[in-house]
Amino acid sequence: MSPGVDLYNNAYAHYSDEVYGQIRIETYGEDLGQTGWATTEESNEIPRSLQVTSRSSVLEIGCGSGRYALYVAATTGCSLLGLDINAPGIHTANALAEARGLTDRVRFQIADASQNLPLDRCSFDSAFSNDVLCHIPNRLAVLRELFRVLKPGGLFLFSDALVISGVVSHQELATRSSIGLYIFSPPGENERLLQQAGFQLIRVTDTSENAGEIARRWRDARQKRREALLSMESGQNFEGLQKFLSTVHVLTSERRLLRLLYLAHKPV
């Protein structure tokens, strides 16, 4: 069994450190505070897929440091609520919103998405979640809550990087799960759960190739800054994250794990 590795607390606590910003730029080409597998092109496409306008009310599940949510709000003029269970991430997100003068339209709060959301029925035009639902137990209940808080006709987009499509060893599964709770799913399961929750599926996009490349760039960018990172991370955590990223790269590049992007809507 691989020992537990800290990715999220570490990334959010050191969010403003220059070395972490350099790693994000080298990994994604742009620093939006990312800790997932979406390319910059995919990040730019999400607001268009969700048809976000200045009149939209948008919900993000798993907002992390909030940087991407603030980007969406700043470029579209929408109102946005970001939820995350990670306290350092929410602290960073609210500080960034205040620094950018966006607190009138963007807010962040701690919430456990595995429980009932503290939100009114039919209160959002769209919702999205990047590489987060695989961390949350009882996916059907989560999808039903998202269905509840979306307005009729509302759009929902999420990604799942843990769709099993080939042979994976128990050692690989342990390493791929070393940064926290992970839920793997077979092909077709997300489609089934979306339908059971009431959604109608619009499209599924395979982004596995891009996710594998992101993992490789992230690992290599960190390796180049090994000495600087060791002053902020323990040696065990550094090596654990490098092994994690290498495993993501191998499994996804070999298409034994797929990353799929789902777009669905709540029927009128």
Protein backbone atom coordinates (compact mmCIF):
# COMPACT_ATOMS: atom_id res chain seq x y z
CA MET A 1 0.00 0.00 0.00
CA SER A 2 1.39 3.43 -0.98
CA PRO A 3 1.67 5.87 1.93
CA GLY A 4 -0.65 8.87 1.96
CA VAL A 5 0.61 11.87 0.01
CA ASP A 6 -0.51 15.48 0.51
CA LEU A 7 -1.30 17.26 -2.74
CA TYR A 8 -4.14 19.68 -2.01
CA ASN A 9 -3.30 21.11 1.43
CA ASN A 10 0.29 21.56 0.31
CA ALA A 11 -0.63 23.19 -3.01
CA TYR A 12 -3.13 25.62 -1.46
CA ALA A 13 -0.96 26.52 1.53
CA HIS A 14 1.92 27.41 -0.82
CA TYR A 15 -0.32 28.86 -3.53
CA SER A 16 1.40 32.27 -3.59
CA ASP A 17 4.96 30.91 -3.53
CA GLU A 18 6.77 31.67 -6.78
CA VAL A 19 8.00 28.14 -7.34
CA TYR A 20 4.45 26.74 -7.36
CA GLY A 21 3.36 29.44 -9.80
CA GLN A 22 6.26 28.53 -12.08
CA ILE A 23 5.24 24.88 -11.95
CA ARG A 24 1.64 25.73 -12.91
CA ILE A 25 2.78 27.87 -15.83
CA GLU A 26 5.15 25.17 -17.09
CA THR A 27 2.46 22.52 -16.69
CA TYR A 28 -0.55 24.32 -18.14
CA GLY A 29 0.91 27.29 -20.02
CA GLU A 30 -1.12 29.65 -17.82
CA ASP A 31 -1.48 30.01 -14.05
CA LEU A 32 -5.12 29.58 -13.02
CA GLY A 33 -4.29 27.90 -9.73
CA GLN A 34 -4.85 24.47 -11.29
CA THR A 35 -4.39 21.14 -9.53
CA GLY A 36 -6.18 18.94 -12.08
CA TRP A 37 -5.95 17.46 -15.56
CA ALA A 38 -7.69 20.13 -17.67
CA THR A 39 -5.60 21.86 -20.31
CA THR A 40 -5.79 25.64 -20.70
CA GLU A 41 -7.81 25.09 -23.87
CA GLU A 42 -10.34 22.98 -21.98
CA SER A 43 -10.51 25.57 -19.19
CA ASN A 44 -11.24 28.28 -21.75
CA GLU A 45 -13.95 26.15 -23.37
CA ILE A 46 -15.91 25.37 -20.19
CA PRO A 47 -17.76 28.74 -19.96
CA ARG A 48 -18.73 28.44 -23.63
CA SER A 49 -19.99 24.87 -23.18
CA LEU A 50 -22.09 26.07 -20.23
CA GLN A 51 -23.33 29.12 -22.20
CA VAL A 52 -22.26 31.43 -19.36
CA THR A 53 -23.19 35.10 -19.76
CA SER A 54 -23.18 38.16 -17.51
CA ARG A 55 -26.70 37.19 -16.39
CA SER A 56 -25.71 33.65 -15.36
CA SER A 57 -25.52 32.27 -11.85
CA VAL A 58 -22.85 29.55 -11.77
CA LEU A 59 -21.88 26.91 -9.20
CA GLU A 60 -18.48 25.22 -8.98
CA ILE A 61 -18.08 22.04 -6.92
CA GLY A 62 -14.47 21.68 -5.76
CA CYS A 63 -13.25 25.22 -6.41
CA GLY A 64 -9.86 24.74 -4.70
CA SER A 65 -7.92 28.01 -4.61
CA GLY A 66 -10.70 29.78 -6.54
CA ARG A 67 -8.41 31.13 -9.22
CA TYR A 68 -10.28 29.46 -12.08
CA ALA A 69 -13.67 30.53 -10.71
CA LEU A 70 -12.43 34.12 -10.57
CA TYR A 71 -11.19 33.82 -14.15
CA VAL A 72 -14.64 32.65 -15.29
CA ALA A 73 -16.38 35.48 -13.42
CA ALA A 74 -13.95 38.13 -14.68
CA THR A 75 -14.19 37.05 -18.34
CA THR A 76 -17.96 36.47 -18.49
CA GLY A 77 -19.35 38.86 -15.87
CA CYS A 78 -21.35 36.06 -14.24
CA SER A 79 -22.11 35.53 -10.56
CA LEU A 80 -20.40 32.48 -9.13
CA LEU A 81 -20.37 30.42 -5.94
CA GLY A 82 -17.44 28.06 -5.30
CA LEU A 83 -17.69 25.21 -2.79
CA ASP A 84 -14.84 23.09 -1.43
CA ILE A 85 -14.18 21.00 1.66
CA ASN A 86 -10.56 22.18 1.83
CA ALA A 87 -10.22 25.09 4.31
CA PRO A 88 -6.82 26.40 3.04
CA GLY A 89 -8.24 26.46 -0.49
CA ILE A 90 -11.31 28.47 0.55
CA HIS A 91 -9.16 30.87 2.58
CA THR A 92 -6.97 31.51 -0.48
CA ALA A 93 -10.03 31.84 -2.74
CA ASN A 94 -11.72 34.48 -0.60
CA ALA A 95 -8.46 36.43 -0.26
CA LEU A 96 -8.05 36.43 -4.05
CA ALA A 97 -11.67 37.53 -4.58
CA GLU A 98 -11.16 40.45 -2.22
CA ALA A 99 -7.84 41.42 -3.79
CA ARG A 100 -9.46 41.49 -7.24
CA GLY A 101 -12.54 43.39 -6.15
CA LEU A 102 -14.93 40.60 -7.13
CA THR A 103 -16.62 39.88 -3.79
CA ASP A 104 -19.87 41.43 -5.06
CA ARG A 105 -20.21 38.66 -7.66
CA VAL A 106 -18.02 35.78 -6.45
CA ARG A 107 -18.03 34.04 -3.10
CA PHE A 108 -16.50 30.86 -1.73
CA GLN A 109 -17.52 28.70 1.19
CA ILE A 110 -16.56 25.44 2.86
CA ALA A 111 -19.04 22.68 2.10
CA ASP A 112 -19.01 18.90 1.97
CA ALA A 113 -20.53 17.99 -1.39
CA SER A 114 -21.20 14.44 -0.18
CA GLN A 115 -23.93 15.94 2.03
CA ASN A 116 -27.02 17.96 1.09
CA LEU A 117 -25.90 21.25 -0.42
CA PRO A 118 -26.80 24.37 1.63
CA LEU A 119 -28.45 25.88 -1.45
CA ASP A 120 -31.95 26.64 -2.64
CA ARG A 121 -33.74 24.63 -5.28
CA CYS A 122 -33.46 25.89 -8.87
CA SER A 123 -30.98 28.64 -7.99
CA PHE A 124 -28.23 28.19 -10.63
CA ASP A 125 -28.13 28.42 -14.41
CA SER A 126 -25.14 26.08 -14.68
CA ALA A 127 -22.66 24.08 -12.64
CA PHE A 128 -19.31 22.45 -13.22
CA SER A 129 -16.75 20.31 -11.42
CA ASN A 130 -13.21 19.61 -12.65
CA ASP A 131 -11.76 16.25 -11.55
CA VAL A 132 -13.60 16.37 -8.20
CA LEU A 133 -16.54 13.95 -8.23
CA CYS A 134 -14.11 11.02 -8.16
CA HIS A 135 -13.22 12.13 -4.60
CA ILE A 136 -16.83 12.25 -3.32
CA PRO A 137 -18.75 9.18 -2.03
CA ASN A 138 -22.26 8.37 -3.28
CA ARG A 139 -22.09 9.97 -6.70
CA LEU A 140 -25.78 9.46 -7.41
CA ALA A 141 -26.73 11.53 -4.36
CA VAL A 142 -24.31 14.28 -5.45
CA LEU A 143 -25.80 14.33 -8.95
CA ARG A 144 -29.32 14.49 -7.54
CA GLU A 145 -28.35 17.48 -5.39
CA LEU A 146 -26.88 19.23 -8.42
CA PHE A 147 -30.05 18.47 -10.36
CA ARG A 148 -32.08 19.99 -7.51
CA VAL A 149 -30.15 23.29 -7.37
CA LEU A 150 -30.07 23.81 -11.15
CA LYS A 151 -32.84 25.70 -12.91
CA PRO A 152 -34.83 23.85 -15.60
CA GLY A 153 -32.68 23.89 -18.72
CA GLY A 154 -29.54 24.32 -16.62
CA LEU A 155 -26.28 22.82 -17.83
CA PHE A 156 -23.85 20.66 -15.86
CA LEU A 157 -20.30 19.74 -16.86
CA PHE A 158 -17.89 17.47 -15.02
CA SER A 159 -14.81 15.36 -15.67
CA ASP A 160 -13.89 11.91 -14.39
CA ALA A 161 -10.26 10.80 -14.76
CA LEU A 162 -10.85 7.38 -13.19
CA VAL A 163 -12.85 5.44 -15.76
CA ILE A 164 -11.22 2.01 -15.86
CA SER A 165 -10.68 0.77 -19.41
CA GLY A 166 -7.85 -1.76 -19.06
CA VAL A 167 -5.89 -3.94 -16.70
CA VAL A 168 -4.62 -2.05 -13.63
CA SER A 169 -2.59 -3.66 -10.85
CA HIS A 170 -3.31 -3.23 -7.15
CA GLN A 171 0.03 -1.38 -6.78
CA GLU A 172 -0.98 1.06 -9.53
CA LEU A 173 -4.40 1.58 -7.96
CA ALA A 174 -2.77 2.24 -4.57
CA THR A 175 -0.37 4.81 -6.02
CA ARG A 176 -3.13 6.45 -8.08
CA SER A 177 -5.20 6.71 -4.86
CA SER A 178 -2.35 7.87 -2.60
CA ILE A 179 -3.45 11.52 -2.37
CA GLY A 180 -6.86 10.80 -0.87
CA LEU A 181 -10.23 9.12 -1.31
CA TYR A 182 -10.76 7.95 -4.88
CA ILE A 183 -13.68 6.21 -6.56
CA PHE A 184 -13.04 4.35 -9.81
CA SER A 185 -15.87 3.59 -12.23
CA PRO A 186 -16.48 1.34 -15.24
CA PRO A 187 -17.32 2.71 -18.70
CA GLY A 188 -20.96 3.77 -18.95
CA GLU A 189 -21.50 4.21 -15.21
CA ASN A 190 -21.47 8.02 -15.24
CA GLU A 191 -23.94 8.03 -18.11
CA ARG A 192 -26.23 5.70 -16.13
CA LEU A 193 -26.01 7.79 -12.96
CA LEU A 194 -26.67 11.05 -14.81
CA GLN A 195 -29.81 9.57 -16.32
CA GLN A 196 -30.92 8.16 -12.96
CA ALA A 197 -30.47 11.60 -11.37
CA GLY A 198 -32.73 13.13 -14.04
CA PHE A 199 -30.17 14.67 -16.40
CA GLN A 200 -30.13 14.29 -20.17
CA LEU A 201 -26.65 13.69 -21.56
CA ILE A 202 -25.52 16.05 -24.33
CA ARG A 203 -22.04 14.72 -25.07
CA VAL A 204 -19.04 12.81 -23.72
CA THR A 205 -15.53 13.91 -24.70
CA ASP A 206 -12.42 11.77 -24.25
CA THR A 207 -9.62 13.96 -22.87
CA SER A 208 -7.30 11.14 -21.76
CA GLU A 209 -4.40 12.08 -24.04
CA ASN A 210 -4.31 15.64 -22.71
CA ALA A 211 -4.54 14.43 -19.10
CA GLY A 212 -1.56 12.12 -19.58
CA GLU A 213 0.47 14.99 -21.00
CA ILE A 214 -0.49 17.29 -18.10
CA ALA A 215 0.72 14.65 -15.62
CA ARG A 216 4.05 14.36 -17.42
CA ARG A 217 4.61 18.13 -17.56
CA TRP A 218 3.63 18.53 -13.90
CA ARG A 219 6.04 15.79 -12.80
CA ASP A 220 8.89 17.19 -14.91
CA ALA A 221 8.29 20.79 -13.76
CA ARG A 222 8.46 19.65 -10.15
CA GLN A 223 11.58 17.56 -10.74
CA LYS A 224 13.41 20.59 -12.17
CA ARG A 225 12.67 22.44 -8.92
CA ARG A 226 13.39 19.54 -6.60
CA GLU A 227 15.70 21.41 -4.21
CA ALA A 228 13.32 24.35 -3.80
CA LEU A 229 10.36 22.04 -3.20
CA LEU A 230 12.21 19.95 -0.65
CA SER A 231 12.53 23.08 1.50
CA MET A 232 8.71 23.25 1.62
CA GLU A 233 7.70 19.60 1.34
CA SER A 234 9.10 16.60 3.15
CA GLY A 235 11.28 14.31 1.07
CA GLN A 236 8.71 11.54 1.44
CA ASN A 237 5.91 13.78 0.20
CA PHE A 238 7.96 15.05 -2.74
CA GLU A 239 8.85 11.55 -3.89
CA GLY A 240 5.29 10.36 -3.28
CA LEU A 241 3.86 13.09 -5.50
CA GLN A 242 6.42 12.36 -8.22
CA LYS A 243 5.43 8.67 -8.17
CA PHE A 244 1.75 9.64 -8.21
CA LEU A 245 2.19 11.90 -11.25
CA SER A 246 4.26 9.28 -13.07
CA THR A 247 1.53 6.70 -12.46
CA VAL A 248 -1.17 9.06 -13.73
CA HIS A 249 0.90 9.65 -16.87
CA VAL A 250 1.45 5.94 -17.54
CA LEU A 251 -2.11 4.76 -16.84
CA THR A 252 -3.74 7.56 -18.81
CA SER A 253 -1.29 7.55 -21.73
CA GLU A 254 -1.73 3.80 -22.08
CA ARG A 255 -5.51 4.33 -21.85
CA ARG A 256 -5.92 1.91 -18.98
CA LEU A 257 -7.59 4.80 -17.15
CA LEU A 258 -9.63 7.29 -19.15
CA ARG A 259 -10.46 10.90 -18.40
CA LEU A 260 -13.89 11.68 -19.80
CA LEU A 261 -15.71 15.01 -19.86
CA TYR A 262 -19.51 14.92 -19.53
CA LEU A 263 -21.94 17.68 -20.51
CA ALA A 264 -25.59 17.25 -19.51
CA HIS A 265 -28.67 19.39 -18.91
CA LYS A 266 -31.72 19.45 -16.67
CA PRO A 267 -34.80 19.06 -18.86
CA VAL A 268 -37.26 21.94 -18.93
